[in-house]
Amino acid sequence: SIANRLSKYLSPQVYKSIFDNENIDKENINPYSRKNLTIFFSDIQNFTDLSDTLEPEKLAEIINNYLSEMTLIAIECGGTIDKFIGDAIMVFFGDPVSRGVQNDAISCVSMAIAMRKAMEKLQQRWQSAGIKEIPSLRMGINTGLCKVGNFGTEHHLNYTLLGRSVNLASRLESAACDEEILISLSTYELVKHSIDCTNRGEIAVKGFSKPVIAYSVIDMIKQEN
C-alpha cells in the first residue's frame, strides 16, 4: 500500500503520529512548537576520501550497511530519525514522544555508545573485506530548546528542528575526534549519573562567539545491584 511504502521515508514516530492521529494531528502539526530536545549528529570521518577510492557499487554497499545498522539502533533507543545527508545522520529525542528531558538525554547518549560499538564490528568486517582506508565515526550531542515542526512549502514539508541548540550539536560532531562522542554541558548535567564522561574543557566552535564546555563520553556507568 501507499502507506507502507511511505513509512520507509518517515521516522517511525512521525509516521505513527500522522497515521494514527495521536501525537500530531491536523490541529497541531502545522504550528511550530518550542521543546527541550536532545539532538544527535554523526558522520563518517574521511568519507569523501573513501568515496574516491571505491567503486560506486562497493561504496553503496558500505554506506547502506552502515545506515541500516545505525537506523536499527536509533529506533531501538526511541530516537526520531530526522534525516540522512550522505553518510551523516541526524536524530533527536523528545518529540513527538518524550519520556522526560533527562531520560531522553540518557537514551540519546546510550544510542551513541551502542552506535560506536556497532561501528567497531563494521570496521572489522570492512577490514576483512580488504578496504584499506577504514572509516571512523564521530558524534556530537546537545540538549536545548528547539523549534520543531513542519518547515518547507505546501508542496514539500520536512518535520524537523531549527535553532541554536541544533547548530551546537552539529558543531560538536565536527569538533569530535575519531570514534569520539562529544556532548555539551547541558547534556552532561542530565546524564552524568548514568554515563561516564571526561571533561574536554572549553572548545571553540564555529558560529559561537564564546568557547563551549564539552565532555567526551566513555561508557555507561555500571549500576551496582
Protein backbone atom coordinates (compact mmCIF):
# COMPACT_ATOMS: atom_id res chain seq x y z
CA SER A 1 0.00 0.00 0.00
CA ILE A 2 0.98 3.64 -0.33
CA ALA A 3 1.07 3.99 3.46
CA ASN A 4 3.50 1.08 3.79
CA ARG A 5 5.76 2.48 1.09
CA LEU A 6 5.60 5.93 2.67
CA SER A 7 6.64 4.51 6.05
CA LYS A 8 10.16 3.95 4.68
CA TYR A 9 10.56 7.68 4.12
CA LEU A 10 9.48 8.75 7.61
CA SER A 11 10.80 8.14 11.08
CA PRO A 12 8.57 5.52 12.77
CA GLN A 13 7.46 8.01 15.45
CA VAL A 14 6.45 10.67 12.92
CA TYR A 15 4.76 8.09 10.68
CA LYS A 16 2.77 6.66 13.59
CA SER A 17 1.80 10.11 14.83
CA ILE A 18 0.48 11.17 11.43
CA PHE A 19 -1.37 7.99 10.52
CA ASP A 20 -2.65 7.13 13.99
CA ASN A 21 -3.54 10.78 14.53
CA GLU A 22 -2.33 10.53 18.14
CA ASN A 23 0.52 12.97 18.80
CA ILE A 24 0.50 15.05 15.63
CA ASP A 25 -2.96 15.80 14.28
CA LYS A 26 -4.41 18.22 11.80
CA GLU A 27 -4.81 20.83 14.50
CA ASN A 28 -1.22 20.92 15.72
CA ILE A 29 1.02 19.53 13.01
CA ASN A 30 1.45 22.85 11.22
CA PRO A 31 2.37 25.29 14.00
CA TYR A 32 5.89 25.21 15.30
CA SER A 33 6.43 24.46 18.96
CA ARG A 34 9.38 25.08 21.28
CA LYS A 35 10.61 22.00 23.07
CA ASN A 36 13.61 20.97 25.11
CA LEU A 37 15.15 18.22 22.99
CA THR A 38 18.36 16.24 22.77
CA ILE A 39 19.89 16.36 19.30
CA PHE A 40 22.40 13.93 17.83
CA PHE A 41 24.63 14.27 14.76
CA SER A 42 27.13 11.78 13.38
CA ASP A 43 29.23 11.37 10.30
CA ILE A 44 31.97 9.16 8.91
CA GLN A 45 35.39 10.74 9.07
CA ASN A 46 37.23 10.80 5.71
CA PHE A 47 34.16 9.52 3.87
CA THR A 48 35.00 11.71 0.87
CA ASP A 49 38.41 10.05 0.56
CA LEU A 50 36.76 6.64 0.79
CA SER A 51 34.26 7.51 -1.94
CA ASP A 52 37.13 8.48 -4.26
CA THR A 53 38.85 5.10 -3.90
CA LEU A 54 35.93 2.67 -4.10
CA GLU A 55 33.70 1.58 -6.95
CA PRO A 56 30.17 3.04 -6.71
CA GLU A 57 28.62 -0.37 -6.04
CA LYS A 58 31.04 -1.11 -3.20
CA LEU A 59 30.58 2.35 -1.74
CA ALA A 60 26.78 1.95 -1.84
CA GLU A 61 27.07 -1.41 -0.10
CA ILE A 62 29.18 0.08 2.70
CA ILE A 63 27.02 3.14 3.29
CA ASN A 64 23.74 1.20 3.15
CA ASN A 65 25.14 -1.41 5.53
CA TYR A 66 26.27 1.34 7.90
CA LEU A 67 22.99 3.27 7.75
CA SER A 68 20.95 0.09 8.28
CA GLU A 69 22.90 -0.76 11.45
CA MET A 70 22.65 2.76 12.85
CA THR A 71 18.95 3.10 11.98
CA LEU A 72 18.09 -0.07 13.89
CA ILE A 73 19.94 1.21 16.95
CA ALA A 74 18.25 4.62 16.76
CA ILE A 75 14.79 3.03 16.53
CA GLU A 76 15.51 0.61 19.39
CA CYS A 77 16.59 3.53 21.59
CA GLY A 78 13.46 5.54 20.76
CA GLY A 79 15.10 8.23 18.64
CA THR A 80 13.31 10.16 15.90
CA ILE A 81 15.43 9.92 12.76
CA ASP A 82 15.40 13.35 11.17
CA LYS A 83 17.47 12.82 8.06
CA PHE A 84 20.41 11.22 6.29
CA ILE A 85 22.78 13.55 4.45
CA GLY A 86 25.11 11.22 2.62
CA ASP A 87 26.93 9.47 5.46
CA ALA A 88 25.69 11.94 8.10
CA ILE A 89 22.79 11.12 10.44
CA MET A 90 20.58 13.45 12.49
CA VAL A 91 18.43 12.01 15.27
CA PHE A 92 16.53 13.74 18.06
CA PHE A 93 14.87 12.67 21.30
CA GLY A 94 11.86 14.26 22.99
CA ASP A 95 9.44 14.66 20.09
CA PRO A 96 6.86 13.57 19.09
CA VAL A 97 7.16 11.29 22.16
CA SER A 98 9.12 12.18 25.29
CA ARG A 99 9.97 10.20 28.42
CA GLY A 100 11.16 13.36 30.17
CA VAL A 101 14.15 15.55 29.33
CA GLN A 102 16.60 13.55 31.45
CA ASN A 103 15.52 10.14 30.15
CA ASP A 104 15.56 11.48 26.58
CA ALA A 105 19.16 12.66 27.04
CA ILE A 106 20.26 9.35 28.58
CA SER A 107 18.59 7.43 25.75
CA CYS A 108 20.38 9.57 23.18
CA VAL A 109 23.84 9.10 24.70
CA SER A 110 23.13 5.38 25.18
CA MET A 111 22.29 5.22 21.48
CA ALA A 112 25.59 6.89 20.59
CA ILE A 113 27.52 4.38 22.72
CA ALA A 114 25.71 1.49 21.01
CA MET A 115 26.48 3.01 17.61
CA ARG A 116 30.16 3.28 18.46
CA LYS A 117 30.27 -0.39 19.46
CA ALA A 118 28.42 -1.38 16.28
CA MET A 119 30.88 0.67 14.25
CA GLU A 120 33.78 -1.33 15.69
CA LYS A 121 32.24 -4.53 14.31
CA LEU A 122 31.59 -2.88 10.93
CA GLN A 123 35.20 -1.72 10.78
CA GLN A 124 36.41 -5.27 11.38
CA ARG A 125 34.11 -6.51 8.63
CA TRP A 126 35.33 -3.85 6.19
CA GLN A 127 38.95 -4.59 7.01
CA SER A 128 38.39 -8.29 6.34
CA ALA A 129 36.82 -7.31 3.01
CA GLY A 130 40.09 -5.63 2.01
CA ILE A 131 39.19 -1.98 2.47
CA LYS A 132 42.45 -0.20 3.26
CA GLU A 133 41.19 3.17 4.49
CA ILE A 134 38.85 2.12 7.30
CA PRO A 135 36.39 4.97 8.03
CA SER A 136 35.84 6.15 11.60
CA LEU A 137 32.81 7.60 13.34
CA ARG A 138 32.42 10.89 15.18
CA MET A 139 29.35 12.09 17.05
CA GLY A 140 28.01 15.24 18.73
CA ILE A 141 25.09 15.68 21.15
CA ASN A 142 23.42 18.72 22.69
CA THR A 143 20.28 19.33 24.75
CA GLY A 144 18.34 22.58 24.49
CA LEU A 145 15.31 24.44 23.26
CA CYS A 146 14.46 23.99 19.57
CA LYS A 147 11.70 24.96 17.21
CA VAL A 148 10.12 21.73 16.00
CA GLY A 149 7.50 21.37 13.31
CA ASN A 150 6.93 21.32 9.58
CA PHE A 151 9.32 23.50 7.62
CA GLY A 152 9.10 23.89 3.86
CA THR A 153 6.36 24.69 1.38
CA GLU A 154 2.85 23.50 0.64
CA HIS A 155 4.38 21.08 -1.87
CA HIS A 156 7.16 19.65 0.29
CA LEU A 157 7.42 19.61 4.09
CA ASN A 158 10.10 18.34 6.42
CA TYR A 159 9.23 17.66 10.05
CA THR A 160 12.47 18.83 11.64
CA LEU A 161 14.20 21.11 14.14
CA LEU A 162 15.68 24.59 13.94
CA GLY A 163 17.64 26.67 16.41
CA ARG A 164 20.92 27.37 18.12
CA SER A 165 20.75 24.09 20.05
CA VAL A 166 20.68 22.15 16.78
CA ASN A 167 23.67 24.10 15.48
CA LEU A 168 25.68 23.34 18.61
CA ALA A 169 25.06 19.60 18.31
CA SER A 170 26.29 19.75 14.71
CA ARG A 171 29.38 21.77 15.68
CA LEU A 172 30.24 19.33 18.47
CA GLU A 173 30.13 16.49 15.96
CA SER A 174 32.55 18.40 13.72
CA ALA A 175 34.87 19.01 16.69
CA ALA A 176 34.88 15.37 17.82
CA CYS A 177 37.89 13.14 17.25
CA ASP A 178 37.74 9.73 15.60
CA GLU A 179 35.37 7.40 17.47
CA GLU A 180 34.53 10.17 19.94
CA ILE A 181 31.10 11.13 21.31
CA LEU A 182 31.25 14.80 22.26
CA ILE A 183 28.42 16.19 24.41
CA SER A 184 27.58 19.66 25.66
CA LEU A 185 27.46 20.79 29.28
CA SER A 186 23.65 20.82 29.23
CA THR A 187 23.56 17.18 28.13
CA TYR A 188 26.28 16.20 30.59
CA GLU A 189 24.31 17.66 33.53
CA LEU A 190 21.40 15.39 32.60
CA VAL A 191 23.36 12.16 32.07
CA LYS A 192 26.32 12.44 34.47
CA HIS A 193 24.86 9.97 36.98
CA SER A 194 24.34 7.34 34.28
CA ILE A 195 27.15 7.99 31.78
CA ASP A 196 30.89 8.09 32.48
CA CYS A 197 32.49 11.12 30.78
CA THR A 198 35.74 13.09 30.77
CA ASN A 199 35.88 16.87 30.69
CA ARG A 200 37.30 18.16 27.40
CA GLY A 201 37.32 21.71 28.73
CA GLU A 202 36.37 24.69 26.60
CA ILE A 203 36.45 24.25 22.84
CA ALA A 204 35.95 26.84 20.14
CA VAL A 205 33.04 26.08 17.83
CA LYS A 206 32.17 27.81 14.59
CA GLY A 207 29.28 30.25 14.83
CA PHE A 208 29.53 30.68 18.60
CA SER A 209 31.25 33.79 19.95
CA LYS A 210 32.40 32.09 23.15
CA PRO A 211 34.01 28.66 23.65
CA VAL A 212 31.69 25.95 24.95
CA ILE A 213 32.37 23.34 27.62
CA ALA A 214 32.31 19.82 26.21
CA TYR A 215 32.59 16.30 27.59
CA SER A 216 33.81 13.12 25.93
CA VAL A 217 31.65 10.05 26.57
CA ILE A 218 33.41 6.92 27.83
CA ASP A 219 30.66 4.41 28.58
CA MET A 220 27.59 3.68 30.65
CA ILE A 221 28.16 3.59 34.39
CA LYS A 222 27.55 0.05 35.61
CA GLN A 223 24.82 0.07 38.21
CA GLU A 224 25.52 -1.97 41.34
CA ASN A 225 22.82 -4.39 42.39
